[in-house]
Amino acid sequence: MTKREARALYPALPDGGAAASRLVKAWEEDGEPDSVFCYVSEPEECATEPVLRYCFERGIPLAVPLCEGSAVMTARLIRSYKELRRGAFGLWEPPEDAPVTEQPAWVVVPGLAFDRNGFRLGRGGGYYDRWLAGKTGRFVGLCHPGRFVEGLPRDDWDMPVDTVITGVEICRTIKNAPR
């Protein structure tokens, strides 16, 4: 199966914030993160509002993606929703002059589906895979329960996450599994 065929099988599906709420609960029980990089969800994605609100309310440094063309993405720090505007591809983005952060402690990654090895099916632009390459930290994928599958097609440049969180489970993945 190709990635194009897989994307047809897994159209976007919202989760009402269930996965993000489970991540926030884990932080409340295990200790809050030092810093977070998180996508700003669109209605058809796993909602990230619980993560964003948690960081804003506690003063945890929060960065969100800024797409800068040619599949380049940077992590830009924000302090409130008021700083966001519609940018590339109609996504909510920070201003171009927002401070850049290179190494957040936690990275929350979107995906249409994730597999047990931590690989994701994205939208095909490669922004996250390029950005994650060479980074350290905890990489977390938020996923609808019905989209957490045994295996997905992947390429050599695809970057896995450490943990996949759905509304019903938190699963440590087999990161760096054989391709």
N, C-alpha and C. Protein backbone atom coordinates (compact mmCIF):
# COMPACT_ATOMS: atom_id res chain seq x y z
N MET A 1 0.85 -1.17 0.00
CA MET A 1 0.00 0.00 0.00
C MET A 1 0.90 1.24 0.00
N THR A 2 0.54 2.22 -0.81
CA THR A 2 1.30 3.47 -0.84
C THR A 2 0.73 4.44 0.20
N LYS A 3 1.49 5.49 0.47
CA LYS A 3 0.99 6.51 1.39
C LYS A 3 -0.26 7.18 0.83
N ARG A 4 -0.30 7.40 -0.47
CA ARG A 4 -1.48 8.01 -1.10
C ARG A 4 -2.72 7.13 -0.86
N GLU A 5 -2.56 5.83 -1.03
CA GLU A 5 -3.68 4.90 -0.80
C GLU A 5 -4.07 4.89 0.68
N ALA A 6 -3.08 4.96 1.56
CA ALA A 6 -3.36 4.97 3.00
C ALA A 6 -4.11 6.24 3.39
N ARG A 7 -3.72 7.39 2.81
CA ARG A 7 -4.43 8.63 3.13
C ARG A 7 -5.91 8.55 2.74
N ALA A 8 -6.21 7.84 1.65
CA ALA A 8 -7.59 7.66 1.22
C ALA A 8 -8.36 6.80 2.23
N LEU A 9 -7.66 5.86 2.89
CA LEU A 9 -8.30 5.00 3.89
C LEU A 9 -8.53 5.73 5.22
N TYR A 10 -7.68 6.73 5.50
CA TYR A 10 -7.72 7.42 6.79
C TYR A 10 -7.95 8.91 6.61
N PRO A 11 -9.17 9.30 6.21
CA PRO A 11 -9.43 10.74 6.12
C PRO A 11 -9.39 11.35 7.52
N ALA A 12 -9.30 12.66 7.57
CA ALA A 12 -9.24 13.36 8.85
C ALA A 12 -10.44 13.00 9.72
N LEU A 13 -10.19 12.91 11.03
CA LEU A 13 -11.24 12.52 11.97
C LEU A 13 -10.98 13.19 13.31
N PRO A 14 -11.88 14.06 13.76
CA PRO A 14 -11.67 14.73 15.04
C PRO A 14 -11.90 13.79 16.22
N ASP A 15 -11.39 14.18 17.39
CA ASP A 15 -11.58 13.34 18.58
C ASP A 15 -12.17 14.11 19.76
N GLY A 16 -12.50 15.37 19.56
CA GLY A 16 -13.10 16.15 20.64
C GLY A 16 -12.16 16.47 21.78
N GLY A 17 -10.87 16.32 21.58
CA GLY A 17 -9.89 16.64 22.63
C GLY A 17 -9.58 15.50 23.57
N ALA A 18 -10.08 14.30 23.30
CA ALA A 18 -9.88 13.18 24.22
C ALA A 18 -8.40 12.82 24.38
N ALA A 19 -7.65 12.75 23.27
CA ALA A 19 -6.24 12.37 23.36
C ALA A 19 -5.43 13.45 24.08
N ALA A 20 -5.67 14.71 23.75
CA ALA A 20 -4.94 15.81 24.40
C ALA A 20 -5.27 15.87 25.89
N SER A 21 -6.51 15.61 26.25
CA SER A 21 -6.89 15.60 27.66
C SER A 21 -6.17 14.49 28.42
N ARG A 22 -5.97 13.35 27.77
CA ARG A 22 -5.23 12.24 28.38
C ARG A 22 -3.77 12.63 28.59
N LEU A 23 -3.18 13.36 27.65
CA LEU A 23 -1.80 13.83 27.80
C LEU A 23 -1.70 14.81 28.97
N VAL A 24 -2.62 15.74 29.06
CA VAL A 24 -2.62 16.71 30.17
C VAL A 24 -2.76 15.99 31.50
N LYS A 25 -3.61 14.99 31.57
CA LYS A 25 -3.77 14.22 32.81
C LYS A 25 -2.46 13.53 33.18
N ALA A 26 -1.75 12.99 32.18
CA ALA A 26 -0.46 12.36 32.46
C ALA A 26 0.53 13.38 33.02
N TRP A 27 0.54 14.60 32.46
CA TRP A 27 1.42 15.64 32.98
C TRP A 27 1.05 15.99 34.42
N GLU A 28 -0.24 16.06 34.71
CA GLU A 28 -0.69 16.39 36.07
C GLU A 28 -0.25 15.33 37.07
N GLU A 29 -0.21 14.08 36.63
CA GLU A 29 0.16 12.98 37.53
C GLU A 29 1.68 12.78 37.62
N ASP A 30 2.40 13.02 36.52
CA ASP A 30 3.82 12.68 36.45
C ASP A 30 4.76 13.89 36.48
N GLY A 31 4.23 15.07 36.43
CA GLY A 31 5.06 16.27 36.41
C GLY A 31 4.95 17.00 35.09
N GLU A 32 4.81 18.30 35.17
CA GLU A 32 4.59 19.07 33.95
C GLU A 32 5.87 19.23 33.14
N PRO A 33 5.71 19.44 31.85
CA PRO A 33 6.88 19.57 30.98
C PRO A 33 7.57 20.92 31.16
N ASP A 34 8.85 20.96 30.81
CA ASP A 34 9.60 22.22 30.85
C ASP A 34 9.22 23.14 29.71
N SER A 35 8.92 22.55 28.55
CA SER A 35 8.52 23.32 27.36
C SER A 35 7.81 22.38 26.40
N VAL A 36 6.97 22.95 25.54
CA VAL A 36 6.15 22.15 24.63
C VAL A 36 6.11 22.80 23.25
N PHE A 37 6.18 21.96 22.22
CA PHE A 37 5.91 22.37 20.84
C PHE A 37 4.67 21.59 20.43
N CYS A 38 3.62 22.29 19.98
CA CYS A 38 2.35 21.63 19.68
C CYS A 38 1.68 22.30 18.50
N TYR A 39 1.10 21.49 17.63
CA TYR A 39 0.32 22.04 16.53
C TYR A 39 -0.97 22.66 17.07
N VAL A 40 -1.50 23.62 16.33
CA VAL A 40 -2.80 24.22 16.66
C VAL A 40 -3.81 23.51 15.78
N SER A 41 -4.67 22.74 16.41
CA SER A 41 -5.55 21.84 15.65
C SER A 41 -6.61 22.58 14.85
N GLU A 42 -6.96 21.93 13.76
CA GLU A 42 -8.09 22.33 12.93
C GLU A 42 -9.25 21.42 13.31
N PRO A 43 -10.49 21.77 12.95
CA PRO A 43 -11.65 20.98 13.39
C PRO A 43 -11.59 19.50 13.04
N GLU A 44 -10.91 19.14 11.94
CA GLU A 44 -10.88 17.74 11.52
C GLU A 44 -9.75 16.94 12.15
N GLU A 45 -8.96 17.56 13.04
CA GLU A 45 -7.82 16.89 13.67
C GLU A 45 -8.11 16.58 15.14
N CYS A 46 -7.24 15.77 15.74
CA CYS A 46 -7.31 15.58 17.19
C CYS A 46 -7.07 16.95 17.82
N ALA A 47 -8.00 17.37 18.64
CA ALA A 47 -7.97 18.72 19.21
C ALA A 47 -6.81 18.89 20.18
N THR A 48 -6.12 20.01 20.06
CA THR A 48 -4.99 20.30 20.95
C THR A 48 -5.32 21.39 21.98
N GLU A 49 -6.52 21.89 21.98
CA GLU A 49 -6.88 22.97 22.89
C GLU A 49 -6.56 22.65 24.35
N PRO A 50 -6.80 21.42 24.84
CA PRO A 50 -6.43 21.14 26.23
C PRO A 50 -4.93 21.31 26.51
N VAL A 51 -4.08 20.96 25.57
CA VAL A 51 -2.63 21.11 25.74
C VAL A 51 -2.26 22.58 25.74
N LEU A 52 -2.77 23.33 24.76
CA LEU A 52 -2.45 24.75 24.67
C LEU A 52 -2.90 25.49 25.94
N ARG A 53 -4.14 25.24 26.36
CA ARG A 53 -4.67 25.90 27.55
C ARG A 53 -3.84 25.55 28.79
N TYR A 54 -3.47 24.29 28.95
CA TYR A 54 -2.65 23.85 30.08
C TYR A 54 -1.35 24.65 30.13
N CYS A 55 -0.69 24.78 29.00
CA CYS A 55 0.57 25.53 28.95
C CYS A 55 0.36 27.01 29.25
N PHE A 56 -0.65 27.61 28.64
CA PHE A 56 -0.92 29.03 28.89
C PHE A 56 -1.21 29.29 30.37
N GLU A 57 -2.05 28.45 30.98
CA GLU A 57 -2.45 28.66 32.37
C GLU A 57 -1.30 28.48 33.35
N ARG A 58 -0.33 27.66 33.01
CA ARG A 58 0.79 27.38 33.93
C ARG A 58 2.08 28.11 33.56
N GLY A 59 2.05 28.89 32.51
CA GLY A 59 3.24 29.62 32.10
C GLY A 59 4.33 28.73 31.53
N ILE A 60 3.96 27.57 31.02
CA ILE A 60 4.93 26.66 30.39
C ILE A 60 5.25 27.20 29.00
N PRO A 61 6.53 27.37 28.66
CA PRO A 61 6.87 27.86 27.32
C PRO A 61 6.23 26.96 26.25
N LEU A 62 5.48 27.60 25.36
CA LEU A 62 4.73 26.89 24.33
C LEU A 62 5.13 27.45 22.96
N ALA A 63 5.53 26.55 22.08
CA ALA A 63 5.83 26.92 20.70
C ALA A 63 4.83 26.23 19.78
N VAL A 64 4.51 26.91 18.70
CA VAL A 64 3.63 26.35 17.67
C VAL A 64 4.33 26.50 16.32
N PRO A 65 3.92 25.70 15.33
CA PRO A 65 4.62 25.72 14.05
C PRO A 65 4.31 26.95 13.20
N LEU A 66 5.35 27.39 12.51
CA LEU A 66 5.23 28.40 11.47
C LEU A 66 5.80 27.80 10.20
N CYS A 67 4.96 27.65 9.18
CA CYS A 67 5.41 27.12 7.88
C CYS A 67 5.98 28.28 7.08
N GLU A 68 7.23 28.12 6.68
CA GLU A 68 7.92 29.22 6.03
C GLU A 68 8.22 28.97 4.56
N GLY A 69 7.54 28.04 3.95
CA GLY A 69 7.75 27.75 2.54
C GLY A 69 8.82 26.70 2.33
N SER A 70 8.82 26.11 1.15
CA SER A 70 9.78 25.06 0.78
C SER A 70 9.86 23.96 1.83
N ALA A 71 8.74 23.62 2.43
CA ALA A 71 8.64 22.56 3.44
C ALA A 71 9.51 22.84 4.66
N VAL A 72 9.74 24.11 4.98
CA VAL A 72 10.49 24.50 6.16
C VAL A 72 9.51 24.95 7.23
N MET A 73 9.70 24.42 8.43
CA MET A 73 8.85 24.76 9.56
C MET A 73 9.75 25.16 10.72
N THR A 74 9.34 26.16 11.48
CA THR A 74 10.06 26.54 12.70
C THR A 74 9.10 26.51 13.86
N ALA A 75 9.65 26.37 15.07
CA ALA A 75 8.87 26.39 16.30
C ALA A 75 8.96 27.79 16.89
N ARG A 76 7.83 28.47 17.01
CA ARG A 76 7.79 29.85 17.48
C ARG A 76 7.02 29.94 18.79
N LEU A 77 7.61 30.62 19.76
CA LEU A 77 7.00 30.76 21.08
C LEU A 77 5.83 31.74 21.06
N ILE A 78 4.75 31.36 21.75
CA ILE A 78 3.60 32.26 21.92
C ILE A 78 3.18 32.23 23.39
N ARG A 79 2.42 33.26 23.80
CA ARG A 79 1.94 33.34 25.18
C ARG A 79 0.41 33.29 25.28
N SER A 80 -0.27 33.43 24.13
CA SER A 80 -1.73 33.39 24.15
C SER A 80 -2.28 33.10 22.76
N TYR A 81 -3.55 32.74 22.74
CA TYR A 81 -4.23 32.50 21.47
C TYR A 81 -4.27 33.77 20.63
N LYS A 82 -4.29 34.92 21.29
CA LYS A 82 -4.42 36.20 20.59
C LYS A 82 -3.29 36.45 19.60
N GLU A 83 -2.16 35.77 19.77
CA GLU A 83 -1.03 35.97 18.87
C GLU A 83 -1.19 35.21 17.55
N LEU A 84 -2.10 34.27 17.49
CA LEU A 84 -2.26 33.43 16.30
C LEU A 84 -3.02 34.14 15.20
N ARG A 85 -2.67 33.79 13.96
CA ARG A 85 -3.36 34.32 12.78
C ARG A 85 -3.38 33.20 11.74
N ARG A 86 -4.27 33.32 10.77
CA ARG A 86 -4.31 32.33 9.69
C ARG A 86 -3.13 32.58 8.77
N GLY A 87 -2.38 31.51 8.49
CA GLY A 87 -1.19 31.63 7.67
C GLY A 87 -1.20 30.66 6.51
N ALA A 88 -0.05 30.05 6.25
CA ALA A 88 0.10 29.12 5.14
C ALA A 88 -0.94 28.01 5.25
N PHE A 89 -1.52 27.67 4.13
CA PHE A 89 -2.51 26.59 4.05
C PHE A 89 -3.75 26.86 4.90
N GLY A 90 -3.94 28.11 5.35
CA GLY A 90 -5.10 28.45 6.17
C GLY A 90 -5.00 27.99 7.61
N LEU A 91 -3.79 27.59 8.06
CA LEU A 91 -3.59 27.10 9.42
C LEU A 91 -3.34 28.26 10.38
N TRP A 92 -3.67 28.04 11.65
CA TRP A 92 -3.35 29.03 12.68
C TRP A 92 -1.85 29.00 12.92
N GLU A 93 -1.23 30.18 12.85
CA GLU A 93 0.22 30.28 13.01
C GLU A 93 0.59 31.49 13.87
N PRO A 94 1.80 31.44 14.43
CA PRO A 94 2.30 32.58 15.19
C PRO A 94 2.82 33.65 14.23
N PRO A 95 3.07 34.85 14.75
CA PRO A 95 3.66 35.87 13.88
C PRO A 95 5.09 35.51 13.50
N GLU A 96 5.54 36.01 12.36
CA GLU A 96 6.89 35.70 11.87
C GLU A 96 7.98 36.22 12.80
N ASP A 97 7.67 37.23 13.61
CA ASP A 97 8.70 37.77 14.51
C ASP A 97 8.67 37.13 15.91
N ALA A 98 7.84 36.10 16.09
CA ALA A 98 7.81 35.39 17.38
C ALA A 98 9.15 34.68 17.57
N PRO A 99 9.65 34.61 18.82
CA PRO A 99 10.94 33.95 19.07
C PRO A 99 10.95 32.48 18.65
N VAL A 100 12.07 32.05 18.10
CA VAL A 100 12.26 30.66 17.67
C VAL A 100 12.82 29.85 18.83
N THR A 101 12.35 28.63 18.99
CA THR A 101 12.95 27.69 19.94
C THR A 101 13.36 26.45 19.16
N GLU A 102 14.53 25.93 19.48
CA GLU A 102 15.05 24.79 18.73
C GLU A 102 14.82 23.44 19.38
N GLN A 103 14.71 23.41 20.72
CA GLN A 103 14.72 22.12 21.40
C GLN A 103 13.68 22.06 22.53
N PRO A 104 12.39 22.04 22.21
CA PRO A 104 11.40 21.87 23.27
C PRO A 104 11.47 20.48 23.90
N ALA A 105 11.10 20.38 25.17
CA ALA A 105 11.17 19.11 25.88
C ALA A 105 10.13 18.11 25.36
N TRP A 106 8.95 18.60 24.99
CA TRP A 106 7.87 17.74 24.48
C TRP A 106 7.44 18.27 23.12
N VAL A 107 7.19 17.37 22.19
CA VAL A 107 6.73 17.72 20.85
C VAL A 107 5.45 16.94 20.58
N VAL A 108 4.35 17.64 20.35
CA VAL A 108 3.06 17.02 20.07
C VAL A 108 2.82 17.10 18.56
N VAL A 109 2.71 15.92 17.92
CA VAL A 109 2.71 15.79 16.48
C VAL A 109 1.34 15.36 15.96
N PRO A 110 0.86 15.98 14.88
CA PRO A 110 -0.42 15.54 14.30
C PRO A 110 -0.23 14.35 13.37
N GLY A 111 -1.32 13.69 13.05
CA GLY A 111 -1.26 12.60 12.08
C GLY A 111 -2.66 12.11 11.75
N LEU A 112 -2.84 11.63 10.53
CA LEU A 112 -4.11 11.02 10.15
C LEU A 112 -4.25 9.65 10.78
N ALA A 113 -3.09 8.98 10.99
CA ALA A 113 -3.04 7.67 11.64
C ALA A 113 -1.62 7.47 12.17
N PHE A 114 -1.48 6.59 13.15
CA PHE A 114 -0.18 6.22 13.72
C PHE A 114 -0.12 4.70 13.82
N ASP A 115 1.11 4.16 13.76
CA ASP A 115 1.22 2.71 13.96
C ASP A 115 1.97 2.41 15.25
N ARG A 116 2.02 1.15 15.61
CA ARG A 116 2.60 0.73 16.89
C ARG A 116 4.11 0.94 16.97
N ASN A 117 4.73 1.21 15.83
CA ASN A 117 6.16 1.53 15.81
C ASN A 117 6.41 3.03 15.96
N GLY A 118 5.35 3.80 16.03
CA GLY A 118 5.48 5.24 16.22
C GLY A 118 5.49 6.04 14.93
N PHE A 119 5.32 5.38 13.79
CA PHE A 119 5.31 6.11 12.53
C PHE A 119 3.91 6.65 12.27
N ARG A 120 3.88 7.77 11.56
CA ARG A 120 2.61 8.46 11.33
C ARG A 120 2.34 8.62 9.86
N LEU A 121 1.09 8.76 9.56
CA LEU A 121 0.66 9.13 8.23
C LEU A 121 0.26 10.59 8.32
N GLY A 122 1.08 11.44 7.73
CA GLY A 122 0.78 12.87 7.73
C GLY A 122 0.03 13.26 6.48
N ARG A 123 0.06 14.54 6.20
CA ARG A 123 -0.66 15.04 5.02
C ARG A 123 0.20 15.05 3.77
N GLY A 124 1.48 14.70 3.91
CA GLY A 124 2.31 14.53 2.73
C GLY A 124 3.29 15.66 2.42
N GLY A 125 3.34 16.68 3.24
CA GLY A 125 4.26 17.78 2.96
C GLY A 125 5.66 17.59 3.50
N GLY A 126 5.83 16.70 4.48
CA GLY A 126 7.15 16.44 5.06
C GLY A 126 7.64 17.46 6.06
N TYR A 127 6.82 18.44 6.40
CA TYR A 127 7.23 19.50 7.34
C TYR A 127 7.70 18.93 8.67
N TYR A 128 6.89 18.06 9.27
CA TYR A 128 7.24 17.54 10.59
C TYR A 128 8.45 16.61 10.54
N ASP A 129 8.54 15.76 9.53
CA ASP A 129 9.69 14.85 9.44
C ASP A 129 10.99 15.64 9.31
N ARG A 130 10.99 16.69 8.51
CA ARG A 130 12.20 17.51 8.38
C ARG A 130 12.53 18.20 9.70
N TRP A 131 11.50 18.73 10.35
CA TRP A 131 11.74 19.47 11.60
C TRP A 131 12.22 18.53 12.71
N LEU A 132 11.65 17.35 12.81
CA LEU A 132 12.00 16.41 13.87
C LEU A 132 13.40 15.81 13.70
N ALA A 133 13.89 15.74 12.47
CA ALA A 133 15.20 15.13 12.22
C ALA A 133 16.27 15.84 13.04
N GLY A 134 17.00 15.07 13.84
CA GLY A 134 18.07 15.62 14.66
C GLY A 134 17.62 16.21 15.99
N LYS A 135 16.32 16.24 16.24
CA LYS A 135 15.82 16.77 17.50
C LYS A 135 15.78 15.67 18.56
N THR A 136 15.83 16.09 19.81
CA THR A 136 15.64 15.17 20.93
C THR A 136 14.42 15.65 21.71
N GLY A 137 14.06 14.93 22.73
CA GLY A 137 12.87 15.27 23.51
C GLY A 137 11.86 14.15 23.41
N ARG A 138 10.70 14.37 23.97
CA ARG A 138 9.61 13.39 23.93
C ARG A 138 8.70 13.73 22.76
N PHE A 139 8.59 12.84 21.80
CA PHE A 139 7.73 13.04 20.65
C PHE A 139 6.44 12.26 20.90
N VAL A 140 5.31 12.97 20.85
CA VAL A 140 4.01 12.38 21.16
C VAL A 140 3.06 12.60 19.99
N GLY A 141 2.37 11.54 19.58
CA GLY A 141 1.35 11.66 18.55
C GLY A 141 -0.03 11.57 19.18
N LEU A 142 -0.91 12.48 18.81
CA LEU A 142 -2.31 12.41 19.23
C LEU A 142 -3.10 11.74 18.13
N CYS A 143 -3.91 10.76 18.51
CA CYS A 143 -4.52 9.88 17.51
C CYS A 143 -5.93 9.46 17.93
N HIS A 144 -6.82 9.42 16.97
CA HIS A 144 -8.15 8.86 17.20
C HIS A 144 -7.97 7.35 17.43
N PRO A 145 -8.70 6.75 18.39
CA PRO A 145 -8.50 5.31 18.68
C PRO A 145 -8.62 4.41 17.46
N GLY A 146 -9.50 4.72 16.54
CA GLY A 146 -9.68 3.90 15.35
C GLY A 146 -8.59 4.07 14.31
N ARG A 147 -7.66 4.98 14.57
CA ARG A 147 -6.57 5.25 13.63
C ARG A 147 -5.21 4.83 14.18
N PHE A 148 -5.20 4.08 15.27
CA PHE A 148 -3.96 3.55 15.83
C PHE A 148 -3.88 2.12 15.33
N VAL A 149 -2.99 1.88 14.36
CA VAL A 149 -3.00 0.63 13.60
C VAL A 149 -1.68 -0.13 13.74
N GLU A 150 -1.66 -1.35 13.26
CA GLU A 150 -0.46 -2.19 13.36
C GLU A 150 0.69 -1.69 12.50
N GLY A 151 0.42 -1.25 11.30
CA GLY A 151 1.50 -0.81 10.42
C GLY A 151 1.00 0.18 9.38
N LEU A 152 1.91 1.06 8.95
CA LEU A 152 1.62 2.04 7.91
C LEU A 152 2.77 2.05 6.91
N PRO A 153 2.50 2.46 5.67
CA PRO A 153 3.61 2.62 4.74
C PRO A 153 4.52 3.75 5.23
N ARG A 154 5.82 3.60 5.00
CA ARG A 154 6.73 4.65 5.44
C ARG A 154 7.95 4.71 4.54
N ASP A 155 8.61 5.85 4.62
CA ASP A 155 9.81 6.10 3.84
C ASP A 155 11.00 6.23 4.78
N ASP A 156 12.20 6.19 4.21
CA ASP A 156 13.41 6.26 5.02
C ASP A 156 13.51 7.54 5.84
N TRP A 157 12.93 8.61 5.39
CA TRP A 157 13.03 9.90 6.10
C TRP A 157 11.93 10.11 7.15
N ASP A 158 10.98 9.20 7.26
CA ASP A 158 9.90 9.35 8.24
C ASP A 158 10.44 9.24 9.66
N MET A 159 9.99 10.13 10.53
CA MET A 159 10.46 10.18 11.91
C MET A 159 9.37 9.65 12.85
N PRO A 160 9.68 8.64 13.67
CA PRO A 160 8.68 8.08 14.58
C PRO A 160 8.53 8.92 15.85
N VAL A 161 7.40 8.73 16.52
CA VAL A 161 7.18 9.33 17.83
C VAL A 161 7.47 8.29 18.91
N ASP A 162 7.69 8.77 20.14
CA ASP A 162 7.96 7.87 21.27
C ASP A 162 6.67 7.27 21.84
N THR A 163 5.61 8.05 21.77
CA THR A 163 4.35 7.68 22.41
C THR A 163 3.19 8.08 21.53
N VAL A 164 2.18 7.23 21.46
CA VAL A 164 0.93 7.56 20.78
C VAL A 164 -0.15 7.59 21.85
N ILE A 165 -0.92 8.68 21.86
CA ILE A 165 -1.99 8.83 22.85
C ILE A 165 -3.32 8.95 22.13
N THR A 166 -4.25 8.11 22.55
CA THR A 166 -5.63 8.18 22.06
C THR A 166 -6.50 8.54 23.26
N GLY A 167 -7.78 8.65 23.02
CA GLY A 167 -8.69 8.92 24.13
C GLY A 167 -8.83 7.76 25.09
N VAL A 168 -8.31 6.58 24.72
CA VAL A 168 -8.46 5.40 25.58
C VAL A 168 -7.15 4.76 26.03
N GLU A 169 -6.01 5.15 25.42
CA GLU A 169 -4.76 4.54 25.85
C GLU A 169 -3.56 5.44 25.58
N ILE A 170 -2.51 5.17 26.34
CA ILE A 170 -1.20 5.76 26.12
C ILE A 170 -0.27 4.60 25.80
N CYS A 171 0.34 4.64 24.63
CA CYS A 171 1.17 3.51 24.18
C CYS A 171 2.58 3.97 23.85
N ARG A 172 3.55 3.45 24.58
CA ARG A 172 4.95 3.67 24.22
C ARG A 172 5.19 2.87 22.94
N THR A 173 5.85 3.46 21.99
CA THR A 173 6.04 2.81 20.70
C THR A 173 7.39 2.10 20.65
N ILE A 174 7.57 1.39 19.58
CA ILE A 174 8.83 0.70 19.32
C ILE A 174 9.63 1.61 18.41
N LYS A 175 10.06 2.73 18.97
CA LYS A 175 10.75 3.76 18.17
C LYS A 175 11.99 3.17 17.51
N ASN A 176 12.22 3.62 16.31
CA ASN A 176 13.36 3.17 15.51
C ASN A 176 13.28 1.68 15.17
N ALA A 177 12.07 1.18 15.03
CA ALA A 177 11.89 -0.21 14.61
C ALA A 177 12.44 -0.38 13.19
N PRO A 178 12.75 -1.58 12.83
CA PRO A 178 13.27 -1.81 11.47
C PRO A 178 12.30 -1.26 10.43
N ARG A 179 12.86 -0.70 9.38
CA ARG A 179 12.02 -0.13 8.32
C ARG A 179 11.78 -1.21 7.34
